[in-house]
Amino acid sequence: MLERLEQVLPDDTGPAEVLVITNEAEAARYGMHGSPTLLINGTDPFATPDTAVSVSCRIYRAADGRTTGAPSVEQVADALTRAPQAEH
């Protein structure tokens, strides 16, 4: 996930914050829905409303329907484009 995120972030963007979640309480606190989870301004753009928080492996669906361990570079770029801007 981090490698894909780094491919789409502009060079002048600071480093992505990486959290290592080790238990269900932390997963609930941060909104982790399995590993890897991408949060943009605190929101998981790939989670559906019925996705439970979890410390587990996560499966993503590629555009062609295949399952994969992380969203594609294109899916990450689209999620960043669609994400609401953080309030400062």
N, C-alpha and C. Protein backbone atom coordinates (compact mmCIF):
# COMPACT_ATOMS: atom_id res chain seq x y z
N MET A 1 0.82 -1.18 0.00
CA MET A 1 0.00 0.00 0.00
C MET A 1 0.87 1.25 0.00
N LEU A 2 1.88 1.26 0.85
CA LEU A 2 2.73 2.45 0.95
C LEU A 2 3.43 2.73 -0.37
N GLU A 3 3.94 1.70 -1.03
CA GLU A 3 4.60 1.90 -2.32
C GLU A 3 3.64 2.48 -3.35
N ARG A 4 2.42 2.00 -3.36
CA ARG A 4 1.42 2.51 -4.31
C ARG A 4 1.05 3.94 -3.98
N LEU A 5 0.91 4.23 -2.71
CA LEU A 5 0.60 5.60 -2.29
C LEU A 5 1.71 6.55 -2.67
N GLU A 6 2.94 6.14 -2.47
CA GLU A 6 4.08 6.99 -2.82
C GLU A 6 4.15 7.26 -4.32
N GLN A 7 3.63 6.35 -5.14
CA GLN A 7 3.63 6.54 -6.58
C GLN A 7 2.67 7.64 -7.03
N VAL A 8 1.63 7.89 -6.24
CA VAL A 8 0.63 8.87 -6.67
C VAL A 8 0.71 10.20 -5.93
N LEU A 9 1.39 10.24 -4.79
CA LEU A 9 1.51 11.51 -4.06
C LEU A 9 2.52 12.42 -4.75
N PRO A 10 2.22 13.71 -4.82
CA PRO A 10 3.20 14.65 -5.37
C PRO A 10 4.50 14.62 -4.56
N ASP A 11 5.61 14.91 -5.23
CA ASP A 11 6.91 14.88 -4.55
C ASP A 11 7.00 15.84 -3.38
N ASP A 12 6.24 16.94 -3.42
CA ASP A 12 6.34 17.92 -2.34
C ASP A 12 5.42 17.58 -1.16
N THR A 13 4.73 16.45 -1.24
CA THR A 13 3.91 15.99 -0.11
C THR A 13 4.84 15.36 0.91
N GLY A 14 4.61 15.65 2.14
CA GLY A 14 5.43 15.05 3.19
C GLY A 14 5.25 13.56 3.23
N PRO A 15 6.01 12.88 4.06
CA PRO A 15 5.90 11.43 4.14
C PRO A 15 4.54 11.01 4.70
N ALA A 16 4.07 9.87 4.22
CA ALA A 16 2.81 9.33 4.74
C ALA A 16 3.03 8.85 6.16
N GLU A 17 2.04 9.01 6.99
CA GLU A 17 2.13 8.50 8.36
C GLU A 17 1.74 7.03 8.35
N VAL A 18 2.58 6.19 8.88
CA VAL A 18 2.32 4.77 8.93
C VAL A 18 2.12 4.37 10.38
N LEU A 19 0.99 3.75 10.65
CA LEU A 19 0.69 3.25 11.99
C LEU A 19 0.71 1.74 11.96
N VAL A 20 1.28 1.13 12.96
CA VAL A 20 1.24 -0.31 13.11
C VAL A 20 0.19 -0.60 14.18
N ILE A 21 -0.88 -1.22 13.75
CA ILE A 21 -2.00 -1.53 14.65
C ILE A 21 -1.82 -2.95 15.14
N THR A 22 -1.86 -3.14 16.46
CA THR A 22 -1.55 -4.46 17.01
C THR A 22 -2.70 -5.14 17.74
N ASN A 23 -3.83 -4.43 17.92
CA ASN A 23 -4.94 -5.07 18.62
C ASN A 23 -6.27 -4.47 18.17
N GLU A 24 -7.35 -5.13 18.55
CA GLU A 24 -8.69 -4.72 18.12
C GLU A 24 -9.07 -3.33 18.62
N ALA A 25 -8.62 -2.96 19.83
CA ALA A 25 -8.94 -1.64 20.37
C ALA A 25 -8.32 -0.55 19.51
N GLU A 26 -7.07 -0.74 19.09
CA GLU A 26 -6.43 0.23 18.21
C GLU A 26 -7.11 0.25 16.84
N ALA A 27 -7.50 -0.91 16.35
CA ALA A 27 -8.21 -0.98 15.07
C ALA A 27 -9.49 -0.17 15.13
N ALA A 28 -10.23 -0.30 16.22
CA ALA A 28 -11.47 0.47 16.39
C ALA A 28 -11.17 1.95 16.50
N ARG A 29 -10.14 2.31 17.23
CA ARG A 29 -9.80 3.73 17.43
C ARG A 29 -9.47 4.43 16.12
N TYR A 30 -8.72 3.73 15.26
CA TYR A 30 -8.28 4.36 14.01
C TYR A 30 -9.16 4.03 12.81
N GLY A 31 -10.07 3.09 12.95
CA GLY A 31 -10.93 2.72 11.83
C GLY A 31 -10.24 1.80 10.84
N MET A 32 -9.46 0.86 11.37
CA MET A 32 -8.76 -0.10 10.52
C MET A 32 -9.70 -1.24 10.18
N HIS A 33 -9.81 -1.54 8.89
CA HIS A 33 -10.69 -2.60 8.42
C HIS A 33 -9.90 -3.75 7.82
N GLY A 34 -8.79 -4.09 8.44
CA GLY A 34 -7.90 -5.11 7.93
C GLY A 34 -6.65 -4.47 7.37
N SER A 35 -5.65 -5.29 7.15
CA SER A 35 -4.36 -4.78 6.70
C SER A 35 -4.13 -5.15 5.24
N PRO A 36 -3.79 -4.17 4.44
CA PRO A 36 -3.54 -2.76 4.76
C PRO A 36 -4.81 -1.93 4.67
N THR A 37 -4.87 -0.88 5.46
CA THR A 37 -5.95 0.10 5.41
C THR A 37 -5.34 1.45 5.09
N LEU A 38 -5.95 2.15 4.17
CA LEU A 38 -5.56 3.52 3.83
C LEU A 38 -6.61 4.45 4.42
N LEU A 39 -6.16 5.39 5.23
CA LEU A 39 -7.06 6.41 5.75
C LEU A 39 -6.67 7.74 5.13
N ILE A 40 -7.65 8.42 4.57
CA ILE A 40 -7.44 9.74 4.01
C ILE A 40 -8.26 10.70 4.85
N ASN A 41 -7.59 11.57 5.57
CA ASN A 41 -8.26 12.48 6.50
C ASN A 41 -9.15 11.71 7.47
N GLY A 42 -8.67 10.55 7.92
CA GLY A 42 -9.38 9.75 8.90
C GLY A 42 -10.46 8.84 8.35
N THR A 43 -10.63 8.79 7.03
CA THR A 43 -11.69 7.99 6.42
C THR A 43 -11.08 6.93 5.50
N ASP A 44 -11.62 5.72 5.57
CA ASP A 44 -11.19 4.63 4.71
C ASP A 44 -12.03 4.66 3.43
N PRO A 45 -11.45 5.08 2.31
CA PRO A 45 -12.24 5.22 1.08
C PRO A 45 -12.65 3.89 0.45
N PHE A 46 -12.12 2.80 0.93
CA PHE A 46 -12.42 1.49 0.36
C PHE A 46 -13.37 0.66 1.22
N ALA A 47 -13.72 1.15 2.38
CA ALA A 47 -14.61 0.41 3.28
C ALA A 47 -16.06 0.67 2.93
N THR A 48 -16.86 -0.37 3.04
CA THR A 48 -18.30 -0.23 2.90
C THR A 48 -18.88 -0.04 4.30
N PRO A 49 -20.10 0.47 4.39
CA PRO A 49 -20.67 0.72 5.72
C PRO A 49 -20.72 -0.52 6.62
N ASP A 50 -20.78 -1.71 6.05
CA ASP A 50 -20.87 -2.92 6.86
C ASP A 50 -19.51 -3.56 7.14
N THR A 51 -18.42 -2.89 6.75
CA THR A 51 -17.08 -3.43 6.99
C THR A 51 -16.71 -3.25 8.46
N ALA A 52 -16.45 -4.36 9.13
CA ALA A 52 -16.11 -4.31 10.55
C ALA A 52 -14.64 -3.92 10.72
N VAL A 53 -14.35 -3.26 11.85
CA VAL A 53 -12.95 -3.00 12.17
C VAL A 53 -12.31 -4.33 12.52
N SER A 54 -11.03 -4.46 12.18
CA SER A 54 -10.40 -5.76 12.36
C SER A 54 -8.89 -5.67 12.25
N VAL A 55 -8.22 -6.53 12.99
CA VAL A 55 -6.78 -6.74 12.81
C VAL A 55 -6.68 -8.07 12.06
N SER A 56 -6.72 -7.98 10.76
CA SER A 56 -6.70 -9.17 9.91
C SER A 56 -6.17 -8.79 8.54
N CYS A 57 -5.97 -9.77 7.70
CA CYS A 57 -5.60 -9.48 6.31
C CYS A 57 -6.82 -8.94 5.60
N ARG A 58 -6.58 -8.11 4.61
CA ARG A 58 -7.67 -7.49 3.88
C ARG A 58 -7.52 -7.80 2.40
N ILE A 59 -8.64 -8.07 1.77
CA ILE A 59 -8.66 -8.36 0.34
C ILE A 59 -9.36 -7.21 -0.38
N TYR A 60 -8.76 -6.77 -1.46
CA TYR A 60 -9.33 -5.72 -2.30
C TYR A 60 -9.74 -6.33 -3.63
N ARG A 61 -10.66 -5.69 -4.31
CA ARG A 61 -11.11 -6.14 -5.62
C ARG A 61 -10.55 -5.21 -6.68
N ALA A 62 -9.84 -5.78 -7.65
CA ALA A 62 -9.29 -5.00 -8.76
C ALA A 62 -10.41 -4.65 -9.74
N ALA A 63 -10.14 -3.72 -10.63
CA ALA A 63 -11.14 -3.29 -11.62
C ALA A 63 -11.63 -4.45 -12.48
N ASP A 64 -10.79 -5.44 -12.71
CA ASP A 64 -11.19 -6.59 -13.53
C ASP A 64 -11.84 -7.70 -12.72
N GLY A 65 -12.07 -7.45 -11.42
CA GLY A 65 -12.75 -8.42 -10.57
C GLY A 65 -11.83 -9.35 -9.78
N ARG A 66 -10.55 -9.38 -10.13
CA ARG A 66 -9.62 -10.21 -9.37
C ARG A 66 -9.48 -9.68 -7.96
N THR A 67 -9.08 -10.57 -7.04
CA THR A 67 -8.79 -10.13 -5.68
C THR A 67 -7.29 -9.89 -5.57
N THR A 68 -6.96 -8.93 -4.72
CA THR A 68 -5.56 -8.54 -4.55
C THR A 68 -5.36 -8.06 -3.11
N GLY A 69 -4.11 -7.97 -2.69
CA GLY A 69 -3.79 -7.61 -1.31
C GLY A 69 -3.77 -6.12 -1.03
N ALA A 70 -3.93 -5.29 -2.06
CA ALA A 70 -3.95 -3.84 -1.89
C ALA A 70 -4.64 -3.23 -3.11
N PRO A 71 -5.21 -2.04 -2.94
CA PRO A 71 -5.80 -1.39 -4.11
C PRO A 71 -4.71 -1.05 -5.13
N SER A 72 -5.11 -0.97 -6.39
CA SER A 72 -4.15 -0.63 -7.45
C SER A 72 -3.71 0.82 -7.31
N VAL A 73 -2.65 1.17 -8.01
CA VAL A 73 -2.18 2.55 -8.04
C VAL A 73 -3.31 3.45 -8.53
N GLU A 74 -4.04 3.01 -9.54
CA GLU A 74 -5.15 3.80 -10.08
C GLU A 74 -6.26 3.98 -9.06
N GLN A 75 -6.58 2.93 -8.30
CA GLN A 75 -7.60 3.03 -7.26
C GLN A 75 -7.18 3.98 -6.15
N VAL A 76 -5.91 3.95 -5.77
CA VAL A 76 -5.40 4.86 -4.74
C VAL A 76 -5.48 6.30 -5.25
N ALA A 77 -5.05 6.52 -6.49
CA ALA A 77 -5.10 7.87 -7.06
C ALA A 77 -6.53 8.37 -7.11
N ASP A 78 -7.47 7.52 -7.50
CA ASP A 78 -8.88 7.91 -7.56
C ASP A 78 -9.40 8.24 -6.16
N ALA A 79 -9.03 7.45 -5.18
CA ALA A 79 -9.47 7.70 -3.79
C ALA A 79 -8.96 9.04 -3.30
N LEU A 80 -7.71 9.37 -3.62
CA LEU A 80 -7.15 10.66 -3.21
C LEU A 80 -7.85 11.82 -3.90
N THR A 81 -8.21 11.63 -5.16
CA THR A 81 -8.91 12.67 -5.91
C THR A 81 -10.30 12.92 -5.35
N ARG A 82 -10.99 11.85 -4.98
CA ARG A 82 -12.37 11.96 -4.49
C ARG A 82 -12.46 12.38 -3.03
N ALA A 83 -11.38 12.28 -2.29
CA ALA A 83 -11.42 12.52 -0.84
C ALA A 83 -11.70 13.99 -0.53
N PRO A 84 -12.56 14.21 0.47
CA PRO A 84 -12.76 15.60 0.92
C PRO A 84 -11.45 16.15 1.49
N GLN A 85 -11.26 17.42 1.34
CA GLN A 85 -10.04 18.05 1.86
C GLN A 85 -10.11 18.16 3.38
N ALA A 86 -8.98 18.03 4.02
CA ALA A 86 -8.90 18.18 5.47
C ALA A 86 -9.13 19.63 5.84
N GLU A 87 -9.81 19.82 6.96
CA GLU A 87 -9.99 21.18 7.46
C GLU A 87 -8.77 21.55 8.28
N HIS A 88 -8.29 22.77 8.10
CA HIS A 88 -7.08 23.20 8.80
C HIS A 88 -7.42 24.02 10.00
